[in-house]
Protein backbone atom coordinates (compact mmCIF):
# COMPACT_ATOMS: atom_id res chain seq x y z
CA UNK A 1 57.38 -12.24 4.95
CA UNK A 2 56.41 -8.79 4.18
CA UNK A 3 58.05 -6.37 1.86
CA UNK A 4 60.82 -4.44 3.67
CA UNK A 5 62.71 -1.54 1.95
CA UNK A 6 66.18 -2.80 0.76
CA UNK A 7 68.85 -2.14 3.33
CA UNK A 8 66.43 -0.83 5.83
CA UNK A 9 67.36 -0.89 9.68
CA UNK A 10 66.21 -3.72 11.87
CA UNK A 11 66.19 -4.40 15.51
CA UNK A 12 66.75 -7.93 16.69
CA UNK A 13 66.19 -8.82 20.47
CA UNK A 14 67.85 -12.28 21.47
CA UNK A 15 67.29 -13.85 24.96
CA UNK A 16 70.44 -16.11 25.54
CA UNK A 17 72.00 -17.98 28.35
CA UNK A 18 74.54 -15.84 30.41
CA UNK A 19 77.46 -18.09 29.70
CA UNK A 20 80.97 -17.52 28.56
CA UNK A 21 81.37 -17.19 24.96
CA UNK A 22 77.67 -16.74 23.95
CA UNK A 23 78.02 -13.22 22.87
CA UNK A 24 81.19 -14.18 20.67
CA UNK A 25 79.04 -17.08 19.15
CA UNK A 26 76.30 -14.47 18.16
CA UNK A 27 78.85 -11.78 16.77
CA UNK A 28 80.81 -14.62 15.07
CA UNK A 29 77.58 -15.77 13.30
CA UNK A 30 77.09 -12.20 11.83
CA UNK A 31 80.62 -11.77 10.90
CA UNK A 32 81.19 -15.32 9.52
CA UNK A 33 78.22 -14.71 7.04
CA UNK A 34 79.27 -11.14 6.02
CA UNK A 35 76.43 -9.32 7.92
CA UNK A 36 77.18 -6.22 9.92
CA UNK A 37 76.19 -5.30 13.37
CA UNK A 38 75.45 -1.49 13.51
CA UNK A 39 74.93 -1.41 17.36
CA UNK A 40 74.94 -3.82 20.17
CA UNK A 41 73.53 -3.55 23.63
CA UNK A 42 73.85 -6.42 26.19
CA UNK A 43 72.82 -6.82 29.78
CA UNK A 44 71.31 -9.29 32.24
CA UNK A 45 67.68 -9.99 31.79
CA UNK A 46 64.97 -10.28 34.52
CA UNK A 47 65.26 -14.03 33.99
CA UNK A 48 68.00 -15.66 36.22
CA UNK A 49 70.83 -16.88 34.12
CA UNK A 50 69.81 -15.05 31.05
CA UNK A 51 71.03 -11.90 29.09
CA UNK A 52 69.26 -9.83 26.49
CA UNK A 53 71.25 -9.03 23.52
CA UNK A 54 69.64 -6.04 21.34
CA UNK A 55 71.36 -5.33 17.98
CA UNK A 56 70.63 -3.37 15.03
CA UNK A 57 71.65 -4.43 11.50
CA UNK A 58 70.70 -3.45 8.05
CA UNK A 59 69.42 -5.51 5.19
CA UNK A 60 66.47 -6.59 3.06
CA UNK A 61 63.87 -9.16 3.93
CA UNK A 62 65.77 -12.19 2.78
CA UNK A 63 68.86 -11.14 4.73
CA UNK A 64 67.08 -10.46 8.13
CA UNK A 65 64.99 -13.72 7.55
CA UNK A 66 68.26 -15.79 7.15
CA UNK A 67 69.93 -13.83 10.22
CA UNK A 68 66.86 -14.79 12.40
CA UNK A 69 67.07 -18.46 11.33
CA UNK A 70 70.76 -18.81 12.04
CA UNK A 71 70.63 -16.98 15.42
CA UNK A 72 67.59 -19.46 16.45
CA UNK A 73 69.75 -22.34 15.70
CA UNK A 74 72.40 -21.44 18.46
CA UNK A 75 71.92 -23.86 21.24
CA UNK A 76 72.01 -21.41 23.99
CA UNK A 77 69.63 -18.92 22.53
CA UNK A 78 66.06 -19.25 23.94
CA UNK A 79 64.22 -16.50 22.14
CA UNK A 80 64.82 -14.18 18.96
CA UNK A 81 62.54 -11.37 18.11
CA UNK A 82 62.58 -9.12 15.23
CA UNK A 83 61.20 -5.90 16.45
CA UNK A 84 59.41 -3.95 13.91
CA UNK A 85 56.75 -1.35 13.48
CA UNK A 86 54.71 -0.03 16.40
CA UNK A 87 54.95 -3.23 18.17
CA UNK A 88 57.99 -2.15 20.26
CA UNK A 89 59.40 0.69 22.23
CA UNK A 90 63.03 1.83 21.70
CA UNK A 91 65.34 4.16 23.45
CA UNK A 92 68.91 5.53 23.16
CA UNK A 93 70.90 7.57 25.56
CA UNK A 94 73.05 10.56 24.58
CA UNK A 95 75.43 12.50 26.90
CA UNK A 96 77.20 15.46 25.37
CA UNK A 97 79.29 18.15 26.81
CA UNK A 98 78.28 21.39 24.92
CA UNK A 99 80.11 24.68 25.02
CA UNK A 100 78.11 27.48 26.40
CA UNK A 101 80.44 30.25 27.36
CA UNK A 102 78.21 33.26 26.37
CA UNK A 103 74.77 34.31 27.49
CA UNK A 104 73.42 33.77 24.00
CA UNK A 105 74.95 30.10 23.76
CA UNK A 106 73.35 29.44 27.32
CA UNK A 107 69.93 30.67 26.05
CA UNK A 108 70.19 28.64 22.85
CA UNK A 109 71.25 25.40 24.80
CA UNK A 110 68.30 26.09 27.23
CA UNK A 111 65.86 26.18 24.21
CA UNK A 112 67.20 23.01 22.89
CA UNK A 113 66.90 21.20 26.35
CA UNK A 114 63.35 22.39 26.57
CA UNK A 115 62.62 21.39 22.97
CA UNK A 116 64.07 17.86 23.19
CA UNK A 117 63.30 17.10 26.90
CA UNK A 118 66.97 16.71 27.63
CA UNK A 119 68.35 17.47 31.14
CA UNK A 120 71.43 18.88 32.58
CA UNK A 121 73.89 16.59 34.29
CA UNK A 122 76.68 19.04 35.24
CA UNK A 123 77.80 22.51 34.35
CA UNK A 124 80.62 24.85 34.61
CA UNK A 125 81.07 28.58 33.59
CA UNK A 126 81.73 27.57 29.85
CA UNK A 127 80.12 24.33 29.23
CA UNK A 128 77.14 22.00 30.18
CA UNK A 129 76.97 18.31 30.23
CA UNK A 130 73.60 17.36 28.98
CA UNK A 131 71.72 13.87 28.71
CA UNK A 132 69.02 13.12 26.11
CA UNK A 133 67.06 9.84 25.73
CA UNK A 134 64.90 8.95 22.84
CA UNK A 135 64.55 7.02 19.65
CA UNK A 136 67.49 7.11 17.21
CA UNK A 137 65.78 9.70 15.32
CA UNK A 138 65.28 11.81 18.46
CA UNK A 139 68.90 11.52 19.35
CA UNK A 140 69.94 12.49 15.77
CA UNK A 141 67.88 15.58 15.95
CA UNK A 142 69.34 16.48 19.36
CA UNK A 143 72.93 16.07 18.05
CA UNK A 144 72.07 18.43 15.14
CA UNK A 145 70.60 21.02 17.40
CA UNK A 146 73.62 21.12 19.86
CA UNK A 147 76.24 20.78 17.05
CA UNK A 148 76.17 24.46 16.15
CA UNK A 149 76.93 25.39 19.69
CA UNK A 150 80.02 23.30 19.79
CA UNK A 151 80.11 19.84 21.08
CA UNK A 152 83.14 19.23 23.08
CA UNK A 153 82.37 15.49 23.82
CA UNK A 154 79.71 13.05 23.12
CA UNK A 155 78.82 9.49 23.89
CA UNK A 156 75.77 7.67 22.49
CA UNK A 157 74.48 4.18 23.62
CA UNK A 158 73.22 1.47 21.21
CA UNK A 159 69.51 1.42 21.14
CA UNK A 160 67.69 -0.74 23.49
CA UNK A 161 64.16 -2.19 22.65
CA UNK A 162 61.32 -3.92 24.20
CA UNK A 163 57.93 -5.34 22.82
CA UNK A 164 55.06 -3.13 23.75
CA UNK A 165 52.78 -4.44 26.44
CA UNK A 166 49.92 -6.11 24.54
CA UNK A 167 51.97 -6.52 21.48
CA UNK A 168 51.61 -9.80 19.34
CA UNK A 169 53.48 -12.71 21.16
CA UNK A 170 53.28 -11.00 24.64
CA UNK A 171 51.61 -12.58 27.53
CA UNK A 172 48.48 -10.90 28.58
CA UNK A 173 47.90 -10.18 32.46
CA UNK A 174 45.02 -12.34 33.85
CA UNK A 175 42.13 -10.03 34.93
CA UNK A 176 41.92 -9.50 38.69
CA UNK A 177 39.19 -11.62 40.34
CA UNK A 178 36.50 -9.66 42.03
CA UNK A 179 36.70 -12.37 44.88
CA UNK A 180 40.36 -11.65 45.42
CA UNK A 181 39.29 -8.20 46.77
CA UNK A 182 37.04 -9.67 49.52
């Protein structure tokens, strides 16, 4: 396995049968071995009867290799991927209510929204609820930009991630046949 900086962040995608107790088994595997889950997102997948678990954890190459081996041993786990480098796309969602009672504060918030690509979900005379999506770093930057304005409330999702189209291990589409157009 390639050299990975100690305690670096890792994203693991797990395709598991959508059955009672499967998430508990995965989480139990981590806690039983002393591994921490930094974030967790779970939802149904496009495959009937399957769920996708996307989690982030920290550790060196040995720890991650051990995690991947242990998760792969779970009976109802169908696929485990360690999403690294440029071979995947990752997004988080952040919804924040930001104070903006003065004209100057509204102008500054408007500047942050334009800079980050965020969008306004709701507003009142004194505050705006804003949605930002992006990588974990993008969301960190967004939070740091709105913090001085006064964040009244904030919720942040766990990262979700998917292998890039054409990334190693992904099925390539069959080329269209010219006779199919006839």
